[in-house]
């Protein structure tokens, strides 16, 4: 299942959304993974890549969300649900083998996988 399909499982708190919550969260994740820190940087990322994102993601929009929409979503989103959805996608897409060692930022994670 794709990341956006997992993100669709997150409850939408808005009453009349213009954009699906899963699409907005996907944009936020993509921007964050591209090094964007803060709402302005995320909005700049979305604006800069708008035409490519609309085409590649096959979105039925002429424009993507702006700064205020991104900020409003990020202030109110259920981060516990977002973490669960992202982790479910990551586990499904990048399975680990038992006793496999993984390094993140140069730190060994072996103990975490064997003790927990």
PDB file of N, CA and C in Angstrom:
ATOM      1  N   UNK A   1       0.854  -1.170   0.000  1.00  0.00           N
ATOM      2  CA  UNK A   1       0.000   0.000   0.000  1.00  0.00           C
ATOM      3  C   UNK A   1       0.902   1.236   0.000  1.00  0.00           C
ATOM      4  N   UNK A   2       0.484   2.282  -0.683  1.00  0.00           N
ATOM      5  CA  UNK A   2       1.290   3.498  -0.804  1.00  0.00           C
ATOM      6  C   UNK A   2       1.205   4.343   0.458  1.00  0.00           C
ATOM      7  N   UNK A   3       2.132   5.285   0.584  1.00  0.00           N
ATOM      8  CA  UNK A   3       2.137   6.186   1.741  1.00  0.00           C
ATOM      9  C   UNK A   3       0.845   6.995   1.797  1.00  0.00           C
ATOM     10  N   UNK A   4       0.395   7.487   0.672  1.00  0.00           N
ATOM     11  CA  UNK A   4      -0.835   8.302   0.670  1.00  0.00           C
ATOM     12  C   UNK A   4      -2.044   7.472   1.098  1.00  0.00           C
ATOM     13  N   UNK A   5      -2.058   6.191   0.762  1.00  0.00           N
ATOM     14  CA  UNK A   5      -3.156   5.321   1.208  1.00  0.00           C
ATOM     15  C   UNK A   5      -3.136   5.174   2.725  1.00  0.00           C
ATOM     16  N   UNK A   6      -1.953   5.057   3.309  1.00  0.00           N
ATOM     17  CA  UNK A   6      -1.844   4.991   4.763  1.00  0.00           C
ATOM     18  C   UNK A   6      -2.260   6.318   5.396  1.00  0.00           C
ATOM     19  N   UNK A   7      -1.893   7.427   4.767  1.00  0.00           N
ATOM     20  CA  UNK A   7      -2.228   8.743   5.318  1.00  0.00           C
ATOM     21  C   UNK A   7      -3.735   9.010   5.266  1.00  0.00           C
ATOM     22  N   UNK A   8      -4.428   8.366   4.347  1.00  0.00           N
ATOM     23  CA  UNK A   8      -5.878   8.534   4.258  1.00  0.00           C
ATOM     24  C   UNK A   8      -6.604   7.971   5.476  1.00  0.00           C
ATOM     25  N   UNK A   9      -5.923   7.121   6.234  1.00  0.00           N
ATOM     26  CA  UNK A   9      -6.546   6.545   7.424  1.00  0.00           C
ATOM     27  C   UNK A   9      -6.591   7.524   8.602  1.00  0.00           C
ATOM     28  N   UNK A  10      -5.899   8.643   8.493  1.00  0.00           N
ATOM     29  CA  UNK A  10      -5.875   9.635   9.571  1.00  0.00           C
ATOM     30  C   UNK A  10      -7.178  10.420   9.531  1.00  0.00           C
ATOM     31  N   UNK A  11      -7.871  10.527  10.666  1.00  0.00           N
ATOM     32  CA  UNK A  11      -9.150  11.246  10.694  1.00  0.00           C
ATOM     33  C   UNK A  11      -8.976  12.723  10.355  1.00  0.00           C
ATOM     34  N   UNK A  12      -9.844  13.220   9.496  1.00  0.00           N
ATOM     35  CA  UNK A  12      -9.807  14.631   9.091  1.00  0.00           C
ATOM     36  C   UNK A  12     -10.721  15.435  10.013  1.00  0.00           C
ATOM     37  N   UNK A  13     -10.168  16.424  10.669  1.00  0.00           N
ATOM     38  CA  UNK A  13     -10.900  17.232  11.640  1.00  0.00           C
ATOM     39  C   UNK A  13     -11.645  18.396  10.994  1.00  0.00           C
ATOM     40  N   UNK A  14     -11.406  18.638   9.704  1.00  0.00           N
ATOM     41  CA  UNK A  14     -12.007  19.789   9.038  1.00  0.00           C
ATOM     42  C   UNK A  14     -13.434  19.472   8.593  1.00  0.00           C
ATOM     43  N   UNK A  15     -14.280  20.517   8.507  1.00  0.00           N
ATOM     44  CA  UNK A  15     -15.670  20.307   8.109  1.00  0.00           C
ATOM     45  C   UNK A  15     -15.864  20.383   6.599  1.00  0.00           C
ATOM     46  N   UNK A  16     -15.177  21.296   5.936  1.00  0.00           N
ATOM     47  CA  UNK A  16     -15.298  21.440   4.482  1.00  0.00           C
ATOM     48  C   UNK A  16     -13.919  21.546   3.848  1.00  0.00           C
ATOM     49  N   UNK A  17     -13.198  20.431   3.765  1.00  0.00           N
ATOM     50  CA  UNK A  17     -11.832  20.499   3.238  1.00  0.00           C
ATOM     51  C   UNK A  17     -11.798  20.728   1.739  1.00  0.00           C
ATOM     52  N   UNK A  18     -10.868  21.558   1.313  1.00  0.00           N
ATOM     53  CA  UNK A  18     -10.654  21.793  -0.112  1.00  0.00           C
ATOM     54  C   UNK A  18      -9.725  20.726  -0.686  1.00  0.00           C
ATOM     55  N   UNK A  19      -8.738  20.334   0.128  1.00  0.00           N
ATOM     56  CA  UNK A  19      -7.781  19.304  -0.268  1.00  0.00           C
ATOM     57  C   UNK A  19      -7.892  18.142   0.714  1.00  0.00           C
ATOM     58  N   UNK A  20      -7.745  16.913   0.248  1.00  0.00           N
ATOM     59  CA  UNK A  20      -7.761  15.777   1.183  1.00  0.00           C
ATOM     60  C   UNK A  20      -6.594  15.872   2.166  1.00  0.00           C
ATOM     61  N   UNK A  21      -6.839  15.480   3.398  1.00  0.00           N
ATOM     62  CA  UNK A  21      -5.812  15.556   4.435  1.00  0.00           C
ATOM     63  C   UNK A  21      -4.589  14.729   4.049  1.00  0.00           C
ATOM     64  N   UNK A  22      -4.808  13.568   3.462  1.00  0.00           N
ATOM     65  CA  UNK A  22      -3.687  12.715   3.063  1.00  0.00           C
ATOM     66  C   UNK A  22      -2.752  13.391   2.081  1.00  0.00           C
ATOM     67  N   UNK A  23      -3.285  14.165   1.152  1.00  0.00           N
ATOM     68  CA  UNK A  23      -2.462  14.874   0.171  1.00  0.00           C
ATOM     69  C   UNK A  23      -1.624  15.936   0.874  1.00  0.00           C
ATOM     70  N   UNK A  24      -2.233  16.690   1.770  1.00  0.00           N
ATOM     71  CA  UNK A  24      -1.505  17.744   2.478  1.00  0.00           C
ATOM     72  C   UNK A  24      -0.398  17.140   3.334  1.00  0.00           C
ATOM     73  N   UNK A  25      -0.700  16.063   4.038  1.00  0.00           N
ATOM     74  CA  UNK A  25       0.312  15.430   4.874  1.00  0.00           C
ATOM     75  C   UNK A  25       1.444  14.841   4.037  1.00  0.00           C
ATOM     76  N   UNK A  26       1.123  14.320   2.864  1.00  0.00           N
ATOM     77  CA  UNK A  26       2.163  13.828   1.961  1.00  0.00           C
ATOM     78  C   UNK A  26       3.085  14.966   1.544  1.00  0.00           C
ATOM     79  N   UNK A  27       2.514  16.125   1.227  1.00  0.00           N
ATOM     80  CA  UNK A  27       3.324  17.289   0.861  1.00  0.00           C
ATOM     81  C   UNK A  27       4.225  17.721   2.014  1.00  0.00           C
ATOM     82  N   UNK A  28       3.683  17.687   3.223  1.00  0.00           N
ATOM     83  CA  UNK A  28       4.467  18.062   4.408  1.00  0.00           C
ATOM     84  C   UNK A  28       5.612  17.074   4.619  1.00  0.00           C
ATOM     85  N   UNK A  29       5.351  15.795   4.487  1.00  0.00           N
ATOM     86  CA  UNK A  29       6.399  14.787   4.653  1.00  0.00           C
ATOM     87  C   UNK A  29       7.471  14.953   3.586  1.00  0.00           C
ATOM     88  N   UNK A  30       7.057  15.164   2.346  1.00  0.00           N
ATOM     89  CA  UNK A  30       8.026  15.343   1.265  1.00  0.00           C
ATOM     90  C   UNK A  30       8.886  16.585   1.510  1.00  0.00           C
ATOM     91  N   UNK A  31       8.255  17.677   1.911  1.00  0.00           N
ATOM     92  CA  UNK A  31       9.002  18.896   2.194  1.00  0.00           C
ATOM     93  C   UNK A  31       9.952  18.727   3.357  1.00  0.00           C
ATOM     94  N   UNK A  32       9.493  18.059   4.402  1.00  0.00           N
ATOM     95  CA  UNK A  32      10.332  17.830   5.575  1.00  0.00           C
ATOM     96  C   UNK A  32      11.535  16.962   5.221  1.00  0.00           C
ATOM     97  N   UNK A  33      11.293  15.929   4.416  1.00  0.00           N
ATOM     98  CA  UNK A  33      12.395  15.056   4.005  1.00  0.00           C
ATOM     99  C   UNK A  33      13.359  15.758   3.053  1.00  0.00           C
ATOM    100  N   UNK A  34      12.909  16.859   2.461  1.00  0.00           N
ATOM    101  CA  UNK A  34      13.773  17.651   1.582  1.00  0.00           C
ATOM    102  C   UNK A  34      14.521  18.737   2.353  1.00  0.00           C
ATOM    103  N   UNK A  35      14.345  18.750   3.675  1.00  0.00           N
ATOM    104  CA  UNK A  35      15.096  19.694   4.495  1.00  0.00           C
ATOM    105  C   UNK A  35      14.343  20.956   4.881  1.00  0.00           C
ATOM    106  N   UNK A  36      13.071  21.027   4.597  1.00  0.00           N
ATOM    107  CA  UNK A  36      12.285  22.207   4.951  1.00  0.00           C
ATOM    108  C   UNK A  36      11.987  22.197   6.446  1.00  0.00           C
ATOM    109  N   UNK A  37      12.311  23.291   7.099  1.00  0.00           N
ATOM    110  CA  UNK A  37      12.032  23.449   8.523  1.00  0.00           C
ATOM    111  C   UNK A  37      11.168  24.680   8.684  1.00  0.00           C
ATOM    112  N   UNK A  38       9.957  24.495   9.108  1.00  0.00           N
ATOM    113  CA  UNK A  38       9.042  25.613   9.309  1.00  0.00           C
ATOM    114  C   UNK A  38       7.987  25.688   8.226  1.00  0.00           C
ATOM    115  N   UNK A  39       6.940  26.439   8.555  1.00  0.00           N
ATOM    116  CA  UNK A  39       5.791  26.545   7.644  1.00  0.00           C
ATOM    117  C   UNK A  39       6.133  27.275   6.354  1.00  0.00           C
ATOM    118  N   UNK A  40       6.916  28.357   6.448  1.00  0.00           N
ATOM    119  CA  UNK A  40       7.283  29.115   5.238  1.00  0.00           C
ATOM    120  C   UNK A  40       8.091  28.252   4.279  1.00  0.00           C
ATOM    121  N   UNK A  41       9.036  27.503   4.825  1.00  0.00           N
ATOM    122  CA  UNK A  41       9.861  26.643   3.975  1.00  0.00           C
ATOM    123  C   UNK A  41       9.010  25.565   3.302  1.00  0.00           C
ATOM    124  N   UNK A  42       8.045  25.007   4.042  1.00  0.00           N
ATOM    125  CA  UNK A  42       7.144  24.016   3.443  1.00  0.00           C
ATOM    126  C   UNK A  42       6.312  24.643   2.328  1.00  0.00           C
ATOM    127  N   UNK A  43       5.790  25.847   2.587  1.00  0.00           N
ATOM    128  CA  UNK A  43       4.993  26.543   1.566  1.00  0.00           C
ATOM    129  C   UNK A  43       5.842  26.848   0.339  1.00  0.00           C
ATOM    130  N   UNK A  44       7.092  27.241   0.547  1.00  0.00           N
ATOM    131  CA  UNK A  44       7.995  27.495  -0.584  1.00  0.00           C
ATOM    132  C   UNK A  44       8.266  26.217  -1.370  1.00  0.00           C
ATOM    133  N   UNK A  45       8.450  25.109  -0.666  1.00  0.00           N
ATOM    134  CA  UNK A  45       8.665  23.812  -1.320  1.00  0.00           C
ATOM    135  C   UNK A  45       7.471  23.462  -2.201  1.00  0.00           C
ATOM    136  N   UNK A  46       6.258  23.594  -1.644  1.00  0.00           N
ATOM    137  CA  UNK A  46       5.046  23.263  -2.389  1.00  0.00           C
ATOM    138  C   UNK A  46       4.900  24.172  -3.604  1.00  0.00           C
ATOM    139  N   UNK A  47       5.134  25.471  -3.419  1.00  0.00           N
ATOM    140  CA  UNK A  47       5.009  26.420  -4.536  1.00  0.00           C
ATOM    141  C   UNK A  47       6.056  26.140  -5.614  1.00  0.00           C
ATOM    142  N   UNK A  48       7.274  25.837  -5.187  1.00  0.00           N
ATOM    143  CA  UNK A  48       8.376  25.607  -6.129  1.00  0.00           C
ATOM    144  C   UNK A  48       8.139  24.346  -6.974  1.00  0.00           C
ATOM    145  N   UNK A  49       7.562  23.333  -6.378  1.00  0.00           N
ATOM    146  CA  UNK A  49       7.385  22.052  -7.080  1.00  0.00           C
ATOM    147  C   UNK A  49       5.931  21.777  -7.464  1.00  0.00           C
ATOM    148  N   UNK A  50       5.099  22.794  -7.395  1.00  0.00           N
ATOM    149  CA  UNK A  50       3.662  22.628  -7.600  1.00  0.00           C
ATOM    150  C   UNK A  50       3.307  21.916  -8.901  1.00  0.00           C
ATOM    151  N   UNK A  51       3.810  22.375 -10.014  1.00  0.00           N
ATOM    152  CA  UNK A  51       3.411  21.774 -11.298  1.00  0.00           C
ATOM    153  C   UNK A  51       3.860  20.322 -11.399  1.00  0.00           C
ATOM    154  N   UNK A  52       5.065  20.010 -10.928  1.00  0.00           N
ATOM    155  CA  UNK A  52       5.549  18.620 -10.962  1.00  0.00           C
ATOM    156  C   UNK A  52       4.733  17.725 -10.036  1.00  0.00           C
ATOM    157  N   UNK A  53       4.432  18.239  -8.838  1.00  0.00           N
ATOM    158  CA  UNK A  53       3.654  17.449  -7.880  1.00  0.00           C
ATOM    159  C   UNK A  53       2.255  17.150  -8.403  1.00  0.00           C
ATOM    160  N   UNK A  54       1.617  18.132  -8.988  1.00  0.00           N
ATOM    161  CA  UNK A  54       0.277  17.932  -9.545  1.00  0.00           C
ATOM    162  C   UNK A  54       0.310  16.869 -10.644  1.00  0.00           C
ATOM    163  N   UNK A  55       1.339  16.936 -11.473  1.00  0.00           N
ATOM    164  CA  UNK A  55       1.450  15.987 -12.584  1.00  0.00           C
ATOM    165  C   UNK A  55       1.800  14.575 -12.099  1.00  0.00           C
ATOM    166  N   UNK A  56       2.813  14.445 -11.265  1.00  0.00           N
ATOM    167  CA  UNK A  56       3.281  13.129 -10.828  1.00  0.00           C
ATOM    168  C   UNK A  56       2.260  12.445  -9.922  1.00  0.00           C
ATOM    169  N   UNK A  57       1.648  13.206  -9.012  1.00  0.00           N
ATOM    170  CA  UNK A  57       0.664  12.626  -8.101  1.00  0.00           C
ATOM    171  C   UNK A  57      -0.727  12.520  -8.724  1.00  0.00           C
ATOM    172  N   UNK A  58      -0.847  13.015  -9.963  1.00  0.00           N
ATOM    173  CA  UNK A  58      -2.114  12.985 -10.706  1.00  0.00           C
ATOM    174  C   UNK A  58      -3.248  13.600  -9.889  1.00  0.00           C
ATOM    175  N   UNK A  59      -2.993  14.817  -9.385  1.00  0.00           N
ATOM    176  CA  UNK A  59      -3.982  15.527  -8.575  1.00  0.00           C
ATOM    177  C   UNK A  59      -4.895  16.359  -9.463  1.00  0.00           C
ATOM    178  N   UNK A  60      -6.175  16.429  -9.140  1.00  0.00           N
ATOM    179  CA  UNK A  60      -7.133  17.161  -9.974  1.00  0.00           C
ATOM    180  C   UNK A  60      -7.214  18.655  -9.635  1.00  0.00           C
ATOM    181  N   UNK A  61      -6.094  19.259  -9.264  1.00  0.00           N
ATOM    182  CA  UNK A  61      -6.100  20.664  -8.851  1.00  0.00           C
ATOM    183  C   UNK A  61      -5.237  21.501  -9.782  1.00  0.00           C
ATOM    184  N   UNK A  62      -5.540  22.792  -9.809  1.00  0.00           N
ATOM    185  CA  UNK A  62      -4.698  23.745 -10.532  1.00  0.00           C
ATOM    186  C   UNK A  62      -3.603  24.282  -9.615  1.00  0.00           C
ATOM    187  N   UNK A  63      -3.920  24.333  -8.314  1.00  0.00           N
ATOM    188  CA  UNK A  63      -2.994  24.851  -7.308  1.00  0.00           C
ATOM    189  C   UNK A  63      -2.968  23.905  -6.116  1.00  0.00           C
ATOM    190  N   UNK A  64      -1.890  24.005  -5.347  1.00  0.00           N
ATOM    191  CA  UNK A  64      -1.764  23.217  -4.126  1.00  0.00           C
ATOM    192  C   UNK A  64      -1.900  24.143  -2.916  1.00  0.00           C
ATOM    193  N   UNK A  65      -2.030  23.592  -1.721  1.00  0.00           N
ATOM    194  CA  UNK A  65      -2.259  24.416  -0.531  1.00  0.00           C
ATOM    195  C   UNK A  65      -1.166  25.455  -0.296  1.00  0.00           C
ATOM    196  N   UNK A  66      -1.578  26.576   0.299  1.00  0.00           N
ATOM    197  CA  UNK A  66      -0.658  27.672   0.588  1.00  0.00           C
ATOM    198  C   UNK A  66      -0.192  27.597   2.045  1.00  0.00           C
ATOM    199  N   UNK A  67       0.598  28.577   2.436  1.00  0.00           N
ATOM    200  CA  UNK A  67       1.169  28.653   3.774  1.00  0.00           C
ATOM    201  C   UNK A  67       0.119  28.504   4.869  1.00  0.00           C
ATOM    202  N   UNK A  68      -0.956  29.274   4.791  1.00  0.00           N
ATOM    203  CA  UNK A  68      -1.944  29.261   5.870  1.00  0.00           C
ATOM    204  C   UNK A  68      -2.634  27.901   5.999  1.00  0.00           C
ATOM    205  N   UNK A  69      -2.891  27.245   4.888  1.00  0.00           N
ATOM    206  CA  UNK A  69      -3.510  25.922   4.930  1.00  0.00           C
ATOM    207  C   UNK A  69      -2.557  24.899   5.555  1.00  0.00           C
ATOM    208  N   UNK A  70      -1.315  24.934   5.133  1.00  0.00           N
ATOM    209  CA  UNK A  70      -0.321  24.013   5.696  1.00  0.00           C
ATOM    210  C   UNK A  70      -0.169  24.231   7.198  1.00  0.00           C
ATOM    211  N   UNK A  71      -0.102  25.482   7.622  1.00  0.00           N
ATOM    212  CA  UNK A  71       0.057  25.801   9.031  1.00  0.00           C
ATOM    213  C   UNK A  71      -1.160  25.334   9.837  1.00  0.00           C
ATOM    214  N   UNK A  72      -2.341  25.626   9.333  1.00  0.00           N
ATOM    215  CA  UNK A  72      -3.572  25.250  10.032  1.00  0.00           C
ATOM    216  C   UNK A  72      -3.658  23.735  10.223  1.00  0.00           C
ATOM    217  N   UNK A  73      -3.261  22.991   9.207  1.00  0.00           N
ATOM    218  CA  UNK A  73      -3.280  21.527   9.287  1.00  0.00           C
ATOM    219  C   UNK A  73      -2.263  21.049  10.321  1.00  0.00           C
ATOM    220  N   UNK A  74      -1.056  21.567  10.256  1.00  0.00           N
ATOM    221  CA  UNK A  74       0.003  21.096  11.140  1.00  0.00           C
ATOM    222  C   UNK A  74      -0.252  21.444  12.602  1.00  0.00           C
ATOM    223  N   UNK A  75      -0.972  22.507  12.855  1.00  0.00           N
ATOM    224  CA  UNK A  75      -1.291  22.878  14.233  1.00  0.00           C
ATOM    225  C   UNK A  75      -2.309  21.912  14.830  1.00  0.00           C
ATOM    226  N   UNK A  76      -3.221  21.407  14.017  1.00  0.00           N
ATOM    227  CA  UNK A  76      -4.329  20.599  14.542  1.00  0.00           C
ATOM    228  C   UNK A  76      -4.276  19.113  14.223  1.00  0.00           C
ATOM    229  N   UNK A  77      -3.332  18.673  13.419  1.00  0.00           N
ATOM    230  CA  UNK A  77      -3.296  17.257  13.033  1.00  0.00           C
ATOM    231  C   UNK A  77      -2.995  16.369  14.240  1.00  0.00           C
ATOM    232  N   UNK A  78      -3.549  15.184  14.221  1.00  0.00           N
ATOM    233  CA  UNK A  78      -3.303  14.190  15.267  1.00  0.00           C
ATOM    234  C   UNK A  78      -1.962  13.513  14.959  1.00  0.00           C
ATOM    235  N   UNK A  79      -0.901  13.961  15.646  1.00  0.00           N
ATOM    236  CA  UNK A  79       0.434  13.447  15.341  1.00  0.00           C
ATOM    237  C   UNK A  79       0.597  11.981  15.712  1.00  0.00           C
ATOM    238  N   UNK A  80      -0.135  11.510  16.698  1.00  0.00           N
ATOM    239  CA  UNK A  80      -0.070  10.089  17.043  1.00  0.00           C
ATOM    240  C   UNK A  80      -0.569   9.250  15.872  1.00  0.00           C
ATOM    241  N   UNK A  81      -1.660   9.671  15.256  1.00  0.00           N
ATOM    242  CA  UNK A  81      -2.193   8.957  14.095  1.00  0.00           C
ATOM    243  C   UNK A  81      -1.246   9.074  12.903  1.00  0.00           C
ATOM    244  N   UNK A  82      -0.618  10.237  12.743  1.00  0.00           N
ATOM    245  CA  UNK A  82       0.337  10.435  11.656  1.00  0.00           C
ATOM    246  C   UNK A  82       1.538   9.508  11.829  1.00  0.00           C
ATOM    247  N   UNK A  83       2.059   9.416  13.034  1.00  0.00           N
ATOM    248  CA  UNK A  83       3.198   8.529  13.305  1.00  0.00           C
ATOM    249  C   UNK A  83       2.819   7.075  13.044  1.00  0.00           C
ATOM    250  N   UNK A  84       1.644   6.668  13.502  1.00  0.00           N
ATOM    251  CA  UNK A  84       1.198   5.284  13.269  1.00  0.00           C
ATOM    252  C   UNK A  84       1.077   4.982  11.777  1.00  0.00           C
ATOM    253  N   UNK A  85       0.491   5.901  11.018  1.00  0.00           N
ATOM    254  CA  UNK A  85       0.324   5.698   9.575  1.00  0.00           C
ATOM    255  C   UNK A  85       1.679   5.636   8.874  1.00  0.00           C
ATOM    256  N   UNK A  86       2.576   6.563   9.226  1.00  0.00           N
ATOM    257  CA  UNK A  86       3.896   6.590   8.596  1.00  0.00           C
ATOM    258  C   UNK A  86       4.686   5.328   8.939  1.00  0.00           C
ATOM    259  N   UNK A  87       4.661   4.932  10.212  1.00  0.00           N
ATOM    260  CA  UNK A  87       5.394   3.737  10.621  1.00  0.00           C
ATOM    261  C   UNK A  87       4.828   2.466   9.977  1.00  0.00           C
ATOM    262  N   UNK A  88       3.515   2.396   9.832  1.00  0.00           N
ATOM    263  CA  UNK A  88       2.905   1.239   9.159  1.00  0.00           C
ATOM    264  C   UNK A  88       3.379   1.162   7.718  1.00  0.00           C
ATOM    265  N   UNK A  89       3.417   2.302   7.041  1.00  0.00           N
ATOM    266  CA  UNK A  89       3.908   2.335   5.657  1.00  0.00           C
ATOM    267  C   UNK A  89       5.379   1.941   5.602  1.00  0.00           C
ATOM    268  N   UNK A  90       6.181   2.486   6.520  1.00  0.00           N
ATOM    269  CA  UNK A  90       7.616   2.201   6.516  1.00  0.00           C
ATOM    270  C   UNK A  90       7.890   0.721   6.775  1.00  0.00           C
ATOM    271  N   UNK A  91       7.171   0.126   7.735  1.00  0.00           N
ATOM    272  CA  UNK A  91       7.353  -1.299   8.020  1.00  0.00           C
ATOM    273  C   UNK A  91       6.970  -2.163   6.817  1.00  0.00           C
ATOM    274  N   UNK A  92       5.904  -1.755   6.144  1.00  0.00           N
ATOM    275  CA  UNK A  92       5.432  -2.518   4.984  1.00  0.00           C
ATOM    276  C   UNK A  92       6.370  -2.356   3.796  1.00  0.00           C
ATOM    277  N   UNK A  93       6.872  -1.160   3.595  1.00  0.00           N
ATOM    278  CA  UNK A  93       7.696  -0.866   2.425  1.00  0.00           C
ATOM    279  C   UNK A  93       9.161  -1.246   2.591  1.00  0.00           C
ATOM    280  N   UNK A  94       9.655  -1.188   3.825  1.00  0.00           N
ATOM    281  CA  UNK A  94      11.066  -1.445   4.094  1.00  0.00           C
ATOM    282  C   UNK A  94      11.198  -2.428   5.256  1.00  0.00           C
ATOM    283  N   UNK A  95      10.816  -3.675   5.039  1.00  0.00           N
ATOM    284  CA  UNK A  95      10.859  -4.648   6.139  1.00  0.00           C
ATOM    285  C   UNK A  95      12.299  -4.902   6.586  1.00  0.00           C
ATOM    286  N   UNK A  96      12.453  -5.152   7.876  1.00  0.00           N
ATOM    287  CA  UNK A  96      13.767  -5.485   8.408  1.00  0.00           C
ATOM    288  C   UNK A  96      13.802  -6.973   8.732  1.00  0.00           C
ATOM    289  N   UNK A  97      14.978  -7.493   8.683  1.00  0.00           N
ATOM    290  CA  UNK A  97      15.193  -8.899   8.991  1.00  0.00           C
ATOM    291  C   UNK A  97      15.604  -8.981  10.454  1.00  0.00           C
ATOM    292  N   UNK A  98      15.087  -9.982  11.180  1.00  0.00           N
ATOM    293  CA  UNK A  98      15.462 -10.146  12.574  1.00  0.00           C
ATOM    294  C   UNK A  98      16.976 -10.277  12.679  1.00  0.00           C
ATOM    295  N   UNK A  99      17.547  -9.650  13.678  1.00  0.00           N
ATOM    296  CA  UNK A  99      18.990  -9.608  13.931  1.00  0.00           C
ATOM    297  C   UNK A  99      19.727  -8.711  12.929  1.00  0.00           C
ATOM    298  N   UNK A 100      19.002  -7.980  12.100  1.00  0.00           N
ATOM    299  CA  UNK A 100      19.636  -7.075  11.156  1.00  0.00           C
ATOM    300  C   UNK A 100      20.095  -5.828  11.896  1.00  0.00           C
ATOM    301  N   UNK A 101      21.248  -5.329  11.539  1.00  0.00           N
ATOM    302  CA  UNK A 101      21.760  -4.111  12.153  1.00  0.00           C
ATOM    303  C   UNK A 101      21.447  -2.936  11.256  1.00  0.00           C
ATOM    304  N   UNK A 102      21.030  -1.840  11.884  1.00  0.00           N
ATOM    305  CA  UNK A 102      20.742  -0.621  11.143  1.00  0.00           C
ATOM    306  C   UNK A 102      21.479   0.523  11.812  1.00  0.00           C
ATOM    307  N   UNK A 103      22.029   1.414  11.038  1.00  0.00           N
ATOM    308  CA  UNK A 103      22.710   2.582  11.587  1.00  0.00           C
ATOM    309  C   UNK A 103      21.936   3.834  11.209  1.00  0.00           C
ATOM    310  N   UNK A 104      21.713   4.683  12.184  1.00  0.00           N
ATOM    311  CA  UNK A 104      21.051   5.954  11.944  1.00  0.00           C
ATOM    312  C   UNK A 104      21.903   7.034  12.589  1.00  0.00           C
ATOM    313  N   UNK A 105      22.347   8.000  11.814  1.00  0.00           N
ATOM    314  CA  UNK A 105      23.221   9.055  12.317  1.00  0.00           C
ATOM    315  C   UNK A 105      24.460   8.472  12.993  1.00  0.00           C
ATOM    316  N   UNK A 106      24.936   7.358  12.483  1.00  0.00           N
ATOM    317  CA  UNK A 106      26.148   6.761  13.005  1.00  0.00           C
ATOM    318  C   UNK A 106      25.967   5.966  14.291  1.00  0.00           C
ATOM    319  N   UNK A 107      24.748   5.815  14.778  1.00  0.00           N
ATOM    320  CA  UNK A 107      24.511   5.092  16.026  1.00  0.00           C
ATOM    321  C   UNK A 107      24.041   3.676  15.714  1.00  0.00           C
ATOM    322  N   UNK A 108      24.448   2.738  16.535  1.00  0.00           N
ATOM    323  CA  UNK A 108      23.998   1.357  16.340  1.00  0.00           C
ATOM    324  C   UNK A 108      22.625   1.175  16.940  1.00  0.00           C
ATOM    325  N   UNK A 109      21.746   0.534  16.195  1.00  0.00           N
ATOM    326  CA  UNK A 109      20.392   0.299  16.653  1.00  0.00           C
ATOM    327  C   UNK A 109      20.177  -1.178  16.974  1.00  0.00           C
ATOM    328  N   UNK A 110      21.231  -1.977  16.914  1.00  0.00           N
ATOM    329  CA  UNK A 110      21.107  -3.404  17.094  1.00  0.00           C
ATOM    330  C   UNK A 110      20.440  -3.760  18.418  1.00  0.00           C
ATOM    331  N   UNK A 111      20.820  -3.091  19.510  1.00  0.00           N
ATOM    332  CA  UNK A 111      20.253  -3.406  20.816  1.00  0.00           C
ATOM    333  C   UNK A 111      18.731  -3.207  20.839  1.00  0.00           C
ATOM    334  N   UNK A 112      18.260  -2.170  20.186  1.00  0.00           N
ATOM    335  CA  UNK A 112      16.823  -1.888  20.176  1.00  0.00           C
ATOM    336  C   UNK A 112      16.048  -3.035  19.538  1.00  0.00           C
ATOM    337  N   UNK A 113      16.582  -3.606  18.474  1.00  0.00           N
ATOM    338  CA  UNK A 113      15.874  -4.668  17.774  1.00  0.00           C
ATOM    339  C   UNK A 113      15.957  -6.001  18.528  1.00  0.00           C
ATOM    340  N   UNK A 114      17.029  -6.224  19.271  1.00  0.00           N
ATOM    341  CA  UNK A 114      17.167  -7.495  19.960  1.00  0.00           C
ATOM    342  C   UNK A 114      16.556  -7.494  21.358  1.00  0.00           C
ATOM    343  N   UNK A 115      16.454  -6.317  21.990  1.00  0.00           N
ATOM    344  CA  UNK A 115      15.902  -6.241  23.343  1.00  0.00           C
ATOM    345  C   UNK A 115      14.444  -5.835  23.379  1.00  0.00           C
ATOM    346  N   UNK A 116      13.908  -5.337  22.297  1.00  0.00           N
ATOM    347  CA  UNK A 116      12.558  -4.819  22.370  1.00  0.00           C
ATOM    348  C   UNK A 116      11.600  -5.464  21.487  1.00  0.00           C
TER     349      UNK A 116
END
